[in-house]
Amino acid sequence: MLFFEVEFISKCNNSSTSGPNKLLWKHLKTIVKDSKYLKKIIDIADACFELGYWPSHSKILMSIIIPKLNKESYNLPKSIRPIVLFNTIGKLIEKVIGERLQFHSISNNFIYSS
């Protein structure tokens, strides 16, 4: 199953901005090339899922306001674009849990094929 996790991690965008932990996807991709570290992250994801607990550090986010170009006034909400940046490891664990749920739902015929 480790290959499965490596495959979807490789699809994450390297140019994404880092969240509050300053960890980029390209850093995580380097870390998980060593299956020992990938296994640790997957163990954390499994424990979160089994315990029904989401660590508080994964809930920390950073919000950035980006002004849209060529607007007459930046006092209006339509003139800005808010972007929320989450903890990268938290996003990775969410992806692992989401992929597992999807895999088990489909393999156990919980979801109709069409």
C-alpha atoms as a PDB file:
ATOM      1  CA  MET A   1       0.000   0.000   0.000  1.00  0.00           C
ATOM      2  CA  LEU A   2       2.997   2.351   0.419  1.00  0.00           C
ATOM      3  CA  PHE A   3       3.371   2.679  -3.360  1.00  0.00           C
ATOM      4  CA  PHE A   4      -0.240   3.852  -3.497  1.00  0.00           C
ATOM      5  CA  GLU A   5       0.510   6.691  -1.038  1.00  0.00           C
ATOM      6  CA  VAL A   6       3.729   7.686  -2.842  1.00  0.00           C
ATOM      7  CA  GLU A   7       1.794   7.844  -6.103  1.00  0.00           C
ATOM      8  CA  PHE A   8      -0.750  10.397  -4.901  1.00  0.00           C
ATOM      9  CA  ILE A   9       1.868  12.443  -3.016  1.00  0.00           C
ATOM     10  CA  SER A  10       3.804  12.789  -6.260  1.00  0.00           C
ATOM     11  CA  LYS A  11       0.748  14.483  -7.820  1.00  0.00           C
ATOM     12  CA  CYS A  12       0.836  17.358  -5.294  1.00  0.00           C
ATOM     13  CA  ASN A  13       1.968  20.671  -6.747  1.00  0.00           C
ATOM     14  CA  ASN A  14       5.558  21.653  -5.898  1.00  0.00           C
ATOM     15  CA  SER A  15       4.835  25.338  -6.495  1.00  0.00           C
ATOM     16  CA  SER A  16       2.186  25.541  -3.757  1.00  0.00           C
ATOM     17  CA  THR A  17       2.876  28.089  -1.053  1.00  0.00           C
ATOM     18  CA  SER A  18       3.828  26.679   2.309  1.00  0.00           C
ATOM     19  CA  GLY A  19       1.499  26.919   5.276  1.00  0.00           C
ATOM     20  CA  PRO A  20       2.283  27.964   8.847  1.00  0.00           C
ATOM     21  CA  ASN A  21       4.848  25.154   9.236  1.00  0.00           C
ATOM     22  CA  LYS A  22       6.871  26.473   6.222  1.00  0.00           C
ATOM     23  CA  LEU A  23       7.081  22.953   4.793  1.00  0.00           C
ATOM     24  CA  LEU A  24       6.678  22.718   1.010  1.00  0.00           C
ATOM     25  CA  TRP A  25       5.344  19.741  -0.937  1.00  0.00           C
ATOM     26  CA  LYS A  26       8.748  19.329  -2.590  1.00  0.00           C
ATOM     27  CA  HIS A  27      10.241  18.876   0.900  1.00  0.00           C
ATOM     28  CA  LEU A  28       7.659  16.252   1.819  1.00  0.00           C
ATOM     29  CA  LYS A  29       8.229  14.440  -1.474  1.00  0.00           C
ATOM     30  CA  THR A  30      11.919  14.206  -0.630  1.00  0.00           C
ATOM     31  CA  ILE A  31      11.180  12.982   2.897  1.00  0.00           C
ATOM     32  CA  VAL A  32       8.750  10.249   1.820  1.00  0.00           C
ATOM     33  CA  LYS A  33      11.169   8.819  -0.724  1.00  0.00           C
ATOM     34  CA  ASP A  34      12.518   6.986   2.303  1.00  0.00           C
ATOM     35  CA  SER A  35       9.793   4.430   3.016  1.00  0.00           C
ATOM     36  CA  LYS A  36      10.667   4.503   6.734  1.00  0.00           C
ATOM     37  CA  TYR A  37       9.469   8.138   6.983  1.00  0.00           C
ATOM     38  CA  LEU A  38       6.457   7.568   4.759  1.00  0.00           C
ATOM     39  CA  LYS A  39       5.456   4.665   7.004  1.00  0.00           C
ATOM     40  CA  LYS A  40       5.647   6.945  10.069  1.00  0.00           C
ATOM     41  CA  ILE A  41       3.367   9.525   8.433  1.00  0.00           C
ATOM     42  CA  ILE A  42       0.920   6.798   7.426  1.00  0.00           C
ATOM     43  CA  ASP A  43       0.995   5.413  10.983  1.00  0.00           C
ATOM     44  CA  ILE A  44       0.052   8.880  12.262  1.00  0.00           C
ATOM     45  CA  ALA A  45      -2.792   9.069   9.721  1.00  0.00           C
ATOM     46  CA  ASP A  46      -4.025   5.608  10.740  1.00  0.00           C
ATOM     47  CA  ALA A  47      -3.917   6.538  14.425  1.00  0.00           C
ATOM     48  CA  CYS A  48      -5.849   9.778  13.779  1.00  0.00           C
ATOM     49  CA  PHE A  49      -8.482   7.834  11.892  1.00  0.00           C
ATOM     50  CA  GLU A  50      -8.763   5.019  14.442  1.00  0.00           C
ATOM     51  CA  LEU A  51      -8.923   7.381  17.431  1.00  0.00           C
ATOM     52  CA  GLY A  52     -11.187   9.893  15.715  1.00  0.00           C
ATOM     53  CA  TYR A  53      -8.759  12.613  16.774  1.00  0.00           C
ATOM     54  CA  TRP A  54      -7.264  15.396  14.679  1.00  0.00           C
ATOM     55  CA  PRO A  55      -4.136  17.015  16.220  1.00  0.00           C
ATOM     56  CA  SER A  56      -4.512  20.715  17.023  1.00  0.00           C
ATOM     57  CA  HIS A  57      -1.308  21.645  15.133  1.00  0.00           C
ATOM     58  CA  SER A  58      -2.996  20.384  11.947  1.00  0.00           C
ATOM     59  CA  LYS A  59      -5.846  22.840  12.486  1.00  0.00           C
ATOM     60  CA  ILE A  60      -3.600  25.902  12.449  1.00  0.00           C
ATOM     61  CA  LEU A  61      -3.903  27.919   9.274  1.00  0.00           C
ATOM     62  CA  MET A  62      -2.687  31.150   7.820  1.00  0.00           C
ATOM     63  CA  SER A  63      -4.876  33.476   5.787  1.00  0.00           C
ATOM     64  CA  ILE A  64      -3.394  35.765   3.145  1.00  0.00           C
ATOM     65  CA  ILE A  65      -5.214  38.542   1.311  1.00  0.00           C
ATOM     66  CA  ILE A  66      -4.125  39.076  -2.289  1.00  0.00           C
ATOM     67  CA  PRO A  67      -5.356  42.200  -4.100  1.00  0.00           C
ATOM     68  CA  LYS A  68      -6.788  41.578  -7.572  1.00  0.00           C
ATOM     69  CA  LEU A  69      -5.142  43.524 -10.363  1.00  0.00           C
ATOM     70  CA  ASN A  70      -6.560  46.673 -11.956  1.00  0.00           C
ATOM     71  CA  LYS A  71      -9.303  47.405  -9.441  1.00  0.00           C
ATOM     72  CA  GLU A  72     -10.455  50.980  -8.879  1.00  0.00           C
ATOM     73  CA  SER A  73     -10.788  50.545  -5.130  1.00  0.00           C
ATOM     74  CA  TYR A  74      -9.404  47.910  -2.815  1.00  0.00           C
ATOM     75  CA  ASN A  75     -11.996  48.728  -0.155  1.00  0.00           C
ATOM     76  CA  LEU A  76     -14.553  46.350  -1.694  1.00  0.00           C
ATOM     77  CA  PRO A  77     -14.554  42.594  -0.985  1.00  0.00           C
ATOM     78  CA  LYS A  78     -14.638  41.861  -4.734  1.00  0.00           C
ATOM     79  CA  SER A  79     -11.241  43.543  -5.075  1.00  0.00           C
ATOM     80  CA  ILE A  80      -9.343  41.021  -3.004  1.00  0.00           C
ATOM     81  CA  ARG A  81      -8.790  37.276  -3.024  1.00  0.00           C
ATOM     82  CA  PRO A  82      -8.351  35.549   0.332  1.00  0.00           C
ATOM     83  CA  ILE A  83      -6.221  32.422   0.344  1.00  0.00           C
ATOM     84  CA  VAL A  84      -6.038  30.008   3.263  1.00  0.00           C
ATOM     85  CA  LEU A  85      -2.836  28.032   3.813  1.00  0.00           C
ATOM     86  CA  PHE A  86      -2.997  24.920   5.971  1.00  0.00           C
ATOM     87  CA  ASN A  87      -0.283  22.897   7.671  1.00  0.00           C
ATOM     88  CA  THR A  88       1.310  20.743   4.927  1.00  0.00           C
ATOM     89  CA  ILE A  89       1.663  17.595   7.027  1.00  0.00           C
ATOM     90  CA  GLY A  90      -1.977  17.984   8.076  1.00  0.00           C
ATOM     91  CA  LYS A  91      -2.952  18.179   4.398  1.00  0.00           C
ATOM     92  CA  LEU A  92      -0.879  15.080   3.673  1.00  0.00           C
ATOM     93  CA  ILE A  93      -2.556  13.126   6.471  1.00  0.00           C
ATOM     94  CA  GLU A  94      -5.972  14.257   5.187  1.00  0.00           C
ATOM     95  CA  LYS A  95      -5.007  13.004   1.729  1.00  0.00           C
ATOM     96  CA  VAL A  96      -3.929   9.623   3.111  1.00  0.00           C
ATOM     97  CA  ILE A  97      -7.198   9.255   5.017  1.00  0.00           C
ATOM     98  CA  GLY A  98      -9.255  10.436   2.018  1.00  0.00           C
ATOM     99  CA  GLU A  99      -7.520   8.060  -0.384  1.00  0.00           C
ATOM    100  CA  ARG A 100      -8.014   5.165   2.019  1.00  0.00           C
ATOM    101  CA  LEU A 101     -11.711   5.967   2.460  1.00  0.00           C
ATOM    102  CA  GLN A 102     -12.171   6.182  -1.289  1.00  0.00           C
ATOM    103  CA  PHE A 103     -10.254   2.942  -1.904  1.00  0.00           C
ATOM    104  CA  HIS A 104     -12.201   0.986   0.725  1.00  0.00           C
ATOM    105  CA  SER A 105     -15.552   2.462  -0.340  1.00  0.00           C
ATOM    106  CA  ILE A 106     -15.009   1.435  -3.950  1.00  0.00           C
ATOM    107  CA  SER A 107     -13.418  -1.960  -3.226  1.00  0.00           C
ATOM    108  CA  ASN A 108     -16.284  -2.902  -0.882  1.00  0.00           C
ATOM    109  CA  ASN A 109     -18.959  -1.708  -3.316  1.00  0.00           C
ATOM    110  CA  PHE A 110     -20.233   1.020  -0.993  1.00  0.00           C
ATOM    111  CA  ILE A 111     -20.406   3.374  -3.978  1.00  0.00           C
ATOM    112  CA  TYR A 112     -22.316   2.550  -7.145  1.00  0.00           C
ATOM    113  CA  SER A 113     -19.874   2.304 -10.056  1.00  0.00           C
ATOM    114  CA  SER A 114     -21.543   4.916 -12.271  1.00  0.00           C
END
